[in-house]
């Protein structure tokens, strides 16, 4: 995603996570302030949307890999199931 007014670019990724682990994921990502925004895409299915500023994409990729050792985190690719 690219915002022509601000020059801000971001990457959006989707993951399926066990619903019981969503709060844990949220708190971990919030600890890395400004590195991403987490939104719930489909609560029933446990699908979250992670938006990452382009400057943090490599750091976030490393964090996602580390988190996969702690929780069930499966990346999904479009087209996503409808809500």
C-alpha atoms as a PDB file:
ATOM      1  CA  UNK A   1       0.000   0.000   0.000  1.00  0.00           C
ATOM      2  CA  UNK A   2       1.313   3.489  -0.837  1.00  0.00           C
ATOM      3  CA  UNK A   3      -0.145   6.780   0.325  1.00  0.00           C
ATOM      4  CA  UNK A   4       0.688   9.429  -2.278  1.00  0.00           C
ATOM      5  CA  UNK A   5       0.098  12.336   0.122  1.00  0.00           C
ATOM      6  CA  UNK A   6       2.523  11.251   2.834  1.00  0.00           C
ATOM      7  CA  UNK A   7       4.801   8.925   0.897  1.00  0.00           C
ATOM      8  CA  UNK A   8       4.035   6.293   3.541  1.00  0.00           C
ATOM      9  CA  UNK A   9       4.185   2.729   2.314  1.00  0.00           C
ATOM     10  CA  UNK A  10       3.105  -0.353   4.177  1.00  0.00           C
ATOM     11  CA  UNK A  11       2.792  -4.079   3.771  1.00  0.00           C
ATOM     12  CA  UNK A  12      -0.379  -5.919   4.760  1.00  0.00           C
ATOM     13  CA  UNK A  13      -0.177  -9.562   5.778  1.00  0.00           C
ATOM     14  CA  UNK A  14      -2.905 -11.907   7.000  1.00  0.00           C
ATOM     15  CA  UNK A  15      -2.497 -14.693   9.534  1.00  0.00           C
ATOM     16  CA  UNK A  16      -4.665 -17.324  11.098  1.00  0.00           C
ATOM     17  CA  UNK A  17      -4.076 -17.681  14.818  1.00  0.00           C
ATOM     18  CA  UNK A  18      -5.761 -19.735  17.512  1.00  0.00           C
ATOM     19  CA  UNK A  19      -8.406 -17.415  18.964  1.00  0.00           C
ATOM     20  CA  UNK A  20      -7.125 -18.157  22.465  1.00  0.00           C
ATOM     21  CA  UNK A  21      -3.743 -16.715  21.449  1.00  0.00           C
ATOM     22  CA  UNK A  22      -5.001 -13.479  19.855  1.00  0.00           C
ATOM     23  CA  UNK A  23      -4.560 -11.437  23.038  1.00  0.00           C
ATOM     24  CA  UNK A  24      -1.014 -12.743  23.498  1.00  0.00           C
ATOM     25  CA  UNK A  25      -0.187 -11.783  19.896  1.00  0.00           C
ATOM     26  CA  UNK A  26      -1.722  -8.340  20.376  1.00  0.00           C
ATOM     27  CA  UNK A  27       0.320  -7.642  23.520  1.00  0.00           C
ATOM     28  CA  UNK A  28       3.570  -8.819  21.939  1.00  0.00           C
ATOM     29  CA  UNK A  29       3.040  -6.620  18.874  1.00  0.00           C
ATOM     30  CA  UNK A  30       2.068  -3.629  21.030  1.00  0.00           C
ATOM     31  CA  UNK A  31       5.387  -3.993  22.865  1.00  0.00           C
ATOM     32  CA  UNK A  32       7.076  -3.201  19.543  1.00  0.00           C
ATOM     33  CA  UNK A  33       5.429   0.213  19.384  1.00  0.00           C
ATOM     34  CA  UNK A  34       5.040   1.673  15.900  1.00  0.00           C
ATOM     35  CA  UNK A  35       6.227  -1.489  14.181  1.00  0.00           C
ATOM     36  CA  UNK A  36       2.786  -2.727  13.142  1.00  0.00           C
ATOM     37  CA  UNK A  37      -0.957  -2.432  13.469  1.00  0.00           C
ATOM     38  CA  UNK A  38      -2.987  -5.535  14.248  1.00  0.00           C
ATOM     39  CA  UNK A  39      -6.653  -5.723  13.254  1.00  0.00           C
ATOM     40  CA  UNK A  40      -9.102  -8.583  13.538  1.00  0.00           C
ATOM     41  CA  UNK A  41     -10.229  -9.591  10.056  1.00  0.00           C
ATOM     42  CA  UNK A  42     -12.467 -12.522  11.041  1.00  0.00           C
ATOM     43  CA  UNK A  43     -12.814 -13.232  14.758  1.00  0.00           C
ATOM     44  CA  UNK A  44     -14.608 -16.574  14.339  1.00  0.00           C
ATOM     45  CA  UNK A  45     -11.935 -17.927  12.009  1.00  0.00           C
ATOM     46  CA  UNK A  46      -9.072 -16.361  13.975  1.00  0.00           C
ATOM     47  CA  UNK A  47      -7.840 -14.305  11.028  1.00  0.00           C
ATOM     48  CA  UNK A  48      -5.901 -11.129  11.766  1.00  0.00           C
ATOM     49  CA  UNK A  49      -4.557  -8.414   9.505  1.00  0.00           C
ATOM     50  CA  UNK A  50      -1.068  -7.118  10.208  1.00  0.00           C
ATOM     51  CA  UNK A  51      -0.089  -3.807   8.613  1.00  0.00           C
ATOM     52  CA  UNK A  52       3.626  -3.053   8.726  1.00  0.00           C
ATOM     53  CA  UNK A  53       5.386   0.165   7.649  1.00  0.00           C
ATOM     54  CA  UNK A  54       7.862  -0.712   4.901  1.00  0.00           C
ATOM     55  CA  UNK A  55      10.828   0.314   7.059  1.00  0.00           C
ATOM     56  CA  UNK A  56       9.984  -2.438   9.545  1.00  0.00           C
ATOM     57  CA  UNK A  57       9.204  -5.269   7.122  1.00  0.00           C
ATOM     58  CA  UNK A  58      12.462  -7.166   7.752  1.00  0.00           C
ATOM     59  CA  UNK A  59      12.210  -6.728  11.528  1.00  0.00           C
ATOM     60  CA  UNK A  60       8.597  -7.905  11.489  1.00  0.00           C
ATOM     61  CA  UNK A  61       9.489 -10.930   9.360  1.00  0.00           C
ATOM     62  CA  UNK A  62      11.978 -11.943  12.051  1.00  0.00           C
ATOM     63  CA  UNK A  63       9.452 -11.383  14.820  1.00  0.00           C
ATOM     64  CA  UNK A  64       6.810 -13.433  12.995  1.00  0.00           C
ATOM     65  CA  UNK A  65       9.278 -16.311  12.646  1.00  0.00           C
ATOM     66  CA  UNK A  66      10.089 -16.128  16.365  1.00  0.00           C
ATOM     67  CA  UNK A  67       6.390 -16.050  17.257  1.00  0.00           C
ATOM     68  CA  UNK A  68       5.773 -19.182  15.194  1.00  0.00           C
ATOM     69  CA  UNK A  69       7.862 -21.007  17.778  1.00  0.00           C
ATOM     70  CA  UNK A  70       5.488 -19.817  20.517  1.00  0.00           C
ATOM     71  CA  UNK A  71       2.003 -19.847  18.984  1.00  0.00           C
ATOM     72  CA  UNK A  72       0.109 -21.279  16.031  1.00  0.00           C
ATOM     73  CA  UNK A  73       0.544 -18.606  13.350  1.00  0.00           C
ATOM     74  CA  UNK A  74      -0.215 -19.451   9.714  1.00  0.00           C
ATOM     75  CA  UNK A  75       0.152 -16.854   6.987  1.00  0.00           C
ATOM     76  CA  UNK A  76      -2.789 -16.609   4.595  1.00  0.00           C
ATOM     77  CA  UNK A  77      -2.645 -15.211   1.101  1.00  0.00           C
ATOM     78  CA  UNK A  78      -5.442 -13.524  -0.861  1.00  0.00           C
ATOM     79  CA  UNK A  79      -8.084 -14.296  -1.779  1.00  0.00           C
ATOM     80  CA  UNK A  80      -9.153 -14.635   1.831  1.00  0.00           C
ATOM     81  CA  UNK A  81     -12.376 -16.260   2.964  1.00  0.00           C
ATOM     82  CA  UNK A  82     -15.227 -13.789   3.083  1.00  0.00           C
ATOM     83  CA  UNK A  83     -16.300 -12.528   6.472  1.00  0.00           C
END
